[in-house]
N, C-alpha and C. Protein backbone atom coordinates (compact mmCIF):
# COMPACT_ATOMS: atom_id res chain seq x y z
N MET A 1 16.06 149.41 284.14
CA MET A 1 15.69 149.48 282.98
C MET A 1 16.35 150.60 282.05
N LYS A 2 17.63 151.31 282.85
CA LYS A 2 18.20 152.25 281.89
C LYS A 2 19.48 151.04 281.31
N LYS A 3 19.64 149.96 281.77
CA LYS A 3 20.90 148.93 281.61
C LYS A 3 20.18 148.31 280.21
N ILE A 4 18.98 147.92 280.36
CA ILE A 4 18.19 147.24 279.16
C ILE A 4 18.01 148.41 278.21
N ALA A 5 18.11 149.53 278.22
CA ALA A 5 17.87 150.31 276.83
C ALA A 5 19.42 150.43 276.26
N ALA A 6 20.21 150.76 277.24
CA ALA A 6 21.56 150.78 276.81
C ALA A 6 22.18 149.59 276.28
N GLY A 7 21.76 148.27 276.79
CA GLY A 7 22.30 147.18 276.36
C GLY A 7 21.55 147.11 274.98
N GLY A 8 20.24 147.09 274.52
CA GLY A 8 19.52 147.32 273.33
C GLY A 8 20.24 147.92 272.11
N ILE A 9 20.78 149.24 272.77
CA ILE A 9 21.20 150.10 271.64
C ILE A 9 22.69 149.48 271.58
N LEU A 10 23.28 149.39 272.18
CA LEU A 10 24.68 149.18 272.11
C LEU A 10 24.53 147.49 270.96
N VAL A 11 23.54 146.73 271.08
CA VAL A 11 23.63 145.61 270.33
C VAL A 11 22.85 146.02 268.93
N PHE A 12 22.03 146.81 268.58
CA PHE A 12 21.70 147.18 267.74
C PHE A 12 22.87 148.17 266.89
N CYS A 13 23.76 148.86 267.26
CA CYS A 13 24.74 149.72 266.79
C CYS A 13 25.92 148.68 266.32
N GLY A 14 26.16 147.65 267.11
CA GLY A 14 27.08 146.75 266.91
C GLY A 14 26.48 145.80 265.59
N VAL A 15 25.40 145.58 265.62
CA VAL A 15 25.18 144.99 264.44
C VAL A 15 24.93 145.93 263.15
N LEU A 16 24.55 146.98 263.48
CA LEU A 16 24.72 148.21 261.86
C LEU A 16 26.42 147.96 261.94
N LEU A 17 27.17 148.00 262.82
CA LEU A 17 28.65 148.46 262.55
C LEU A 17 28.89 147.13 261.42
N TYR A 18 28.92 145.81 262.31
CA TYR A 18 29.24 144.61 261.47
C TYR A 18 28.61 144.72 260.15
N LEU A 19 27.31 144.91 259.99
CA LEU A 19 27.01 144.46 258.72
C LEU A 19 27.66 145.94 257.72
N GLY A 20 27.82 147.20 258.12
CA GLY A 20 28.59 147.82 257.37
C GLY A 20 29.77 147.66 256.94
N VAL A 21 30.62 146.63 257.79
CA VAL A 21 32.27 146.29 257.23
C VAL A 21 31.76 144.55 256.78
N TYR A 22 30.87 144.27 257.25
CA TYR A 22 30.69 142.64 256.61
C TYR A 22 30.43 142.92 255.04
N ILE A 23 29.46 143.62 254.68
CA ILE A 23 28.89 143.66 253.27
C ILE A 23 30.13 144.24 252.50
N PRO A 24 30.93 145.41 252.67
CA PRO A 24 31.73 145.62 251.71
C PRO A 24 32.98 144.34 251.63
N ALA A 25 32.87 143.85 252.92
CA ALA A 25 34.39 142.53 252.80
C ALA A 25 34.04 141.58 251.86
N SER A 26 32.63 141.31 252.10
CA SER A 26 32.17 140.09 251.58
C SER A 26 31.98 140.65 249.60
N LEU A 27 31.88 141.88 249.47
CA LEU A 27 31.85 142.26 247.80
C LEU A 27 33.36 141.98 247.64
N GLU A 28 34.21 142.53 248.24
CA GLU A 28 35.71 142.54 248.07
C GLU A 28 36.15 141.15 247.82
N ALA A 29 35.75 140.61 248.79
CA ALA A 29 36.36 139.01 249.00
C ALA A 29 35.94 138.18 247.44
N VAL A 30 34.77 138.86 247.02
CA VAL A 30 34.78 137.98 245.60
C VAL A 30 35.35 138.18 244.51
N LYS A 31 36.33 139.67 244.45
CA LYS A 31 37.37 139.79 243.58
C LYS A 31 38.55 139.47 243.88
N LEU A 32 39.04 139.28 245.09
CA LEU A 32 40.25 138.34 245.42
C LEU A 32 40.56 137.32 244.11
N SER A 33 41.94 137.53 244.08
CA SER A 33 42.28 136.52 243.13
C SER A 33 42.84 135.46 244.00
N GLY A 34 43.63 135.75 245.14
CA GLY A 34 44.54 134.90 246.01
C GLY A 34 44.59 135.54 247.46
N TRP A 35 44.34 134.51 248.26
CA TRP A 35 44.43 135.15 249.63
C TRP A 35 44.95 133.75 250.80
N SER A 36 45.59 134.43 251.62
CA SER A 36 46.42 133.14 252.39
C SER A 36 45.42 132.53 253.27
N THR A 37 45.69 131.16 254.10
CA THR A 37 44.87 130.42 254.39
C THR A 37 44.51 130.85 256.37
N PRO A 38 45.36 131.14 256.93
CA PRO A 38 45.25 131.50 258.30
C PRO A 38 43.82 132.67 258.23
N PRO A 39 43.86 133.67 257.74
CA PRO A 39 42.67 134.91 257.68
C PRO A 39 41.30 134.24 256.88
N GLY A 40 42.24 133.39 255.77
CA GLY A 40 41.07 132.95 254.87
C GLY A 40 40.39 134.13 253.51
N ARG A 41 39.39 133.90 253.04
CA ARG A 41 39.04 134.64 251.91
C ARG A 41 38.68 136.15 252.84
N LEU A 42 37.41 136.04 253.71
CA LEU A 42 37.11 137.16 254.14
C LEU A 42 37.97 137.96 255.11
N GLY A 43 38.73 136.98 255.66
CA GLY A 43 39.90 137.94 256.44
C GLY A 43 40.88 138.95 255.83
N THR A 44 41.22 138.15 254.45
CA THR A 44 42.15 138.98 253.76
C THR A 44 41.23 140.25 253.08
N ALA A 45 40.23 139.98 252.91
CA ALA A 45 39.14 141.26 252.44
C ALA A 45 39.17 142.22 253.50
N LEU A 46 38.89 141.59 254.64
CA LEU A 46 38.50 142.68 255.49
C LEU A 46 40.16 143.51 255.71
N GLN A 47 41.43 142.80 255.49
CA GLN A 47 42.48 143.71 256.03
C GLN A 47 42.85 144.70 254.64
N GLU A 48 42.04 144.28 253.51
CA GLU A 48 42.44 144.96 252.37
C GLU A 48 41.57 146.33 252.47
N ILE A 49 40.40 146.14 252.80
CA ILE A 49 39.63 147.25 252.96
C ILE A 49 39.77 148.41 254.33
N GLY A 50 40.73 147.70 255.19
CA GLY A 50 40.99 148.17 256.63
C GLY A 50 39.74 147.88 257.30
N GLY A 51 39.40 146.77 257.36
CA GLY A 51 37.87 146.96 258.58
C GLY A 51 38.00 145.79 259.51
N THR A 52 39.21 145.68 259.58
CA THR A 52 39.44 144.64 260.53
C THR A 52 39.27 145.21 262.27
N THR A 53 39.40 146.33 262.25
CA THR A 53 39.05 147.05 263.68
C THR A 53 37.81 147.33 263.91
N PRO A 54 37.12 148.01 263.13
CA PRO A 54 35.63 148.21 263.09
C PRO A 54 34.83 146.83 263.14
N PHE A 55 35.65 145.73 262.56
CA PHE A 55 34.93 144.46 262.85
C PHE A 55 34.70 144.02 264.07
N VAL A 56 36.02 144.11 264.70
CA VAL A 56 36.21 143.64 266.12
C VAL A 56 35.83 144.27 266.87
N PHE A 57 35.62 146.04 267.06
CA PHE A 57 34.87 146.69 267.63
C PHE A 57 33.35 146.40 267.45
N ALA A 58 32.84 146.22 266.78
CA ALA A 58 31.38 145.94 266.68
C ALA A 58 31.22 144.30 267.29
N ILE A 59 31.96 143.41 267.13
CA ILE A 59 31.56 142.35 268.04
C ILE A 59 31.41 142.61 269.75
N ILE A 60 32.66 143.40 269.82
CA ILE A 60 32.94 143.82 271.20
C ILE A 60 31.50 144.36 271.63
N MET A 61 31.10 145.65 270.76
CA MET A 61 30.02 146.22 271.14
C MET A 61 28.73 145.46 271.42
N MET A 62 28.45 144.13 270.63
CA MET A 62 27.37 143.43 270.55
C MET A 62 27.52 142.66 271.75
N ALA A 63 28.43 142.23 271.97
CA ALA A 63 29.02 141.27 273.61
C ALA A 63 28.57 142.21 274.46
N ALA A 64 29.42 143.36 274.69
CA ALA A 64 28.68 144.68 275.96
C ALA A 64 27.18 144.64 275.59
N GLY A 65 26.52 144.78 274.69
CA GLY A 65 25.00 145.14 274.95
C GLY A 65 24.18 144.17 275.35
N ALA A 66 24.88 142.96 275.09
CA ALA A 66 24.50 141.36 275.38
C ALA A 66 24.41 141.11 276.72
N CYS A 67 25.55 141.78 277.50
CA CYS A 67 26.06 141.55 279.01
C CYS A 67 24.94 142.77 279.70
N LEU A 68 24.91 143.74 279.26
CA LEU A 68 24.14 144.67 279.59
C LEU A 68 22.64 144.12 279.59
N LEU A 69 22.22 143.79 278.93
CA LEU A 69 20.78 143.24 278.63
C LEU A 69 20.59 142.20 279.60
N LEU A 70 21.43 141.12 279.82
CA LEU A 70 21.61 139.95 280.76
C LEU A 70 21.38 140.88 281.96
N TRP A 71 22.42 141.57 282.38
CA TRP A 71 22.29 142.52 283.81
C TRP A 71 20.80 142.65 284.35
N GLY A 72 20.47 143.50 282.67
CA GLY A 72 19.17 144.31 283.42
C GLY A 72 18.03 143.43 283.79
N CYS A 73 18.02 142.29 282.88
CA CYS A 73 16.87 141.66 282.97
C CYS A 73 16.90 140.62 283.81
N LEU A 74 18.09 140.02 284.27
CA LEU A 74 17.91 138.71 284.75
C LEU A 74 18.56 138.93 286.52
N LEU A 75 20.10 139.62 286.13
CA LEU A 75 20.17 139.84 287.77
C LEU A 75 19.93 140.97 288.62
N ASP A 76 19.04 141.70 288.25
CA ASP A 76 18.23 142.87 288.62
C ASP A 76 17.24 142.09 289.58
N ASP A 77 16.38 141.11 288.76
CA ASP A 77 15.53 140.50 289.52
C ASP A 77 15.72 139.36 290.33
N ILE A 78 16.78 138.62 290.10
CA ILE A 78 17.27 137.70 290.97
C ILE A 78 17.82 138.34 292.54
N LEU A 79 18.41 139.54 292.30
CA LEU A 79 18.80 140.13 293.48
C LEU A 79 17.46 140.88 294.22
N ARG A 80 16.68 141.51 293.17
CA ARG A 80 15.38 141.92 294.07
C ARG A 80 14.49 140.78 294.58
N LYS A 81 14.61 139.32 294.17
CA LYS A 81 13.91 138.55 294.79
C LYS A 81 14.73 138.21 295.80
N LYS A 82 15.97 137.94 296.00
CA LYS A 82 16.66 137.74 297.25
C LYS A 82 16.40 138.22 298.18
N THR A 83 16.32 139.69 298.19
CA THR A 83 16.13 140.57 299.17
C THR A 83 14.89 140.74 299.77
N GLU A 84 13.71 140.50 298.74
CA GLU A 84 12.33 140.36 299.23
C GLU A 84 12.11 139.00 299.80
N ASN A 85 12.67 137.82 299.73
CA ASN A 85 13.00 136.46 300.43
C ASN A 85 13.47 136.57 301.92
N LYS A 86 14.60 137.96 302.02
CA LYS A 86 15.03 137.93 303.33
C LYS A 86 14.11 138.87 304.14
N THR A 87 13.43 139.86 303.59
CA THR A 87 12.56 140.63 304.56
C THR A 87 11.49 139.87 304.94
N GLU A 88 11.13 138.67 304.09
CA GLU A 88 9.82 137.86 304.42
C GLU A 88 10.25 137.30 305.55
N THR A 89 11.27 136.66 305.37
CA THR A 89 11.57 135.65 306.69
C THR A 89 12.06 136.64 307.98
N LEU A 90 12.60 137.37 307.81
CA LEU A 90 12.63 138.49 308.99
C LEU A 90 11.35 138.80 309.63
N GLU A 91 10.24 139.21 308.77
CA GLU A 91 9.26 139.15 308.99
C GLU A 91 8.21 138.03 310.02
N GLN A 92 8.53 137.05 309.09
CA GLN A 92 8.25 135.63 310.01
C GLN A 92 8.87 135.46 311.42
N GLN A 93 10.36 136.01 311.35
CA GLN A 93 10.90 135.49 312.58
C GLN A 93 10.26 136.11 313.80
N VAL A 94 9.95 137.58 313.14
CA VAL A 94 9.43 138.71 314.40
C VAL A 94 8.33 138.10 314.73
N ASN A 95 7.37 138.14 313.90
CA ASN A 95 6.35 137.53 314.25
C ASN A 95 6.08 135.95 315.07
């Protein structure tokens, strides 16, 4: 349960940080007069406002949160069912 709560908080904070960087960058991108092709218009705006590092950090936070959510929801249930099946088979062998 703790993994699910921590994962949810990380995803939520990552989304807030992402939006907090993306919205000002998109507003700045409208004002750009020129940009280079590899990073594009948004990438150039992110570099100008200094939002590249928080942008990447937000994506990492969302990915880590999603991993924790999946780990807490799916993997724990799978492991619990595996141990239940092993105890059931041992009980059947004893009987």
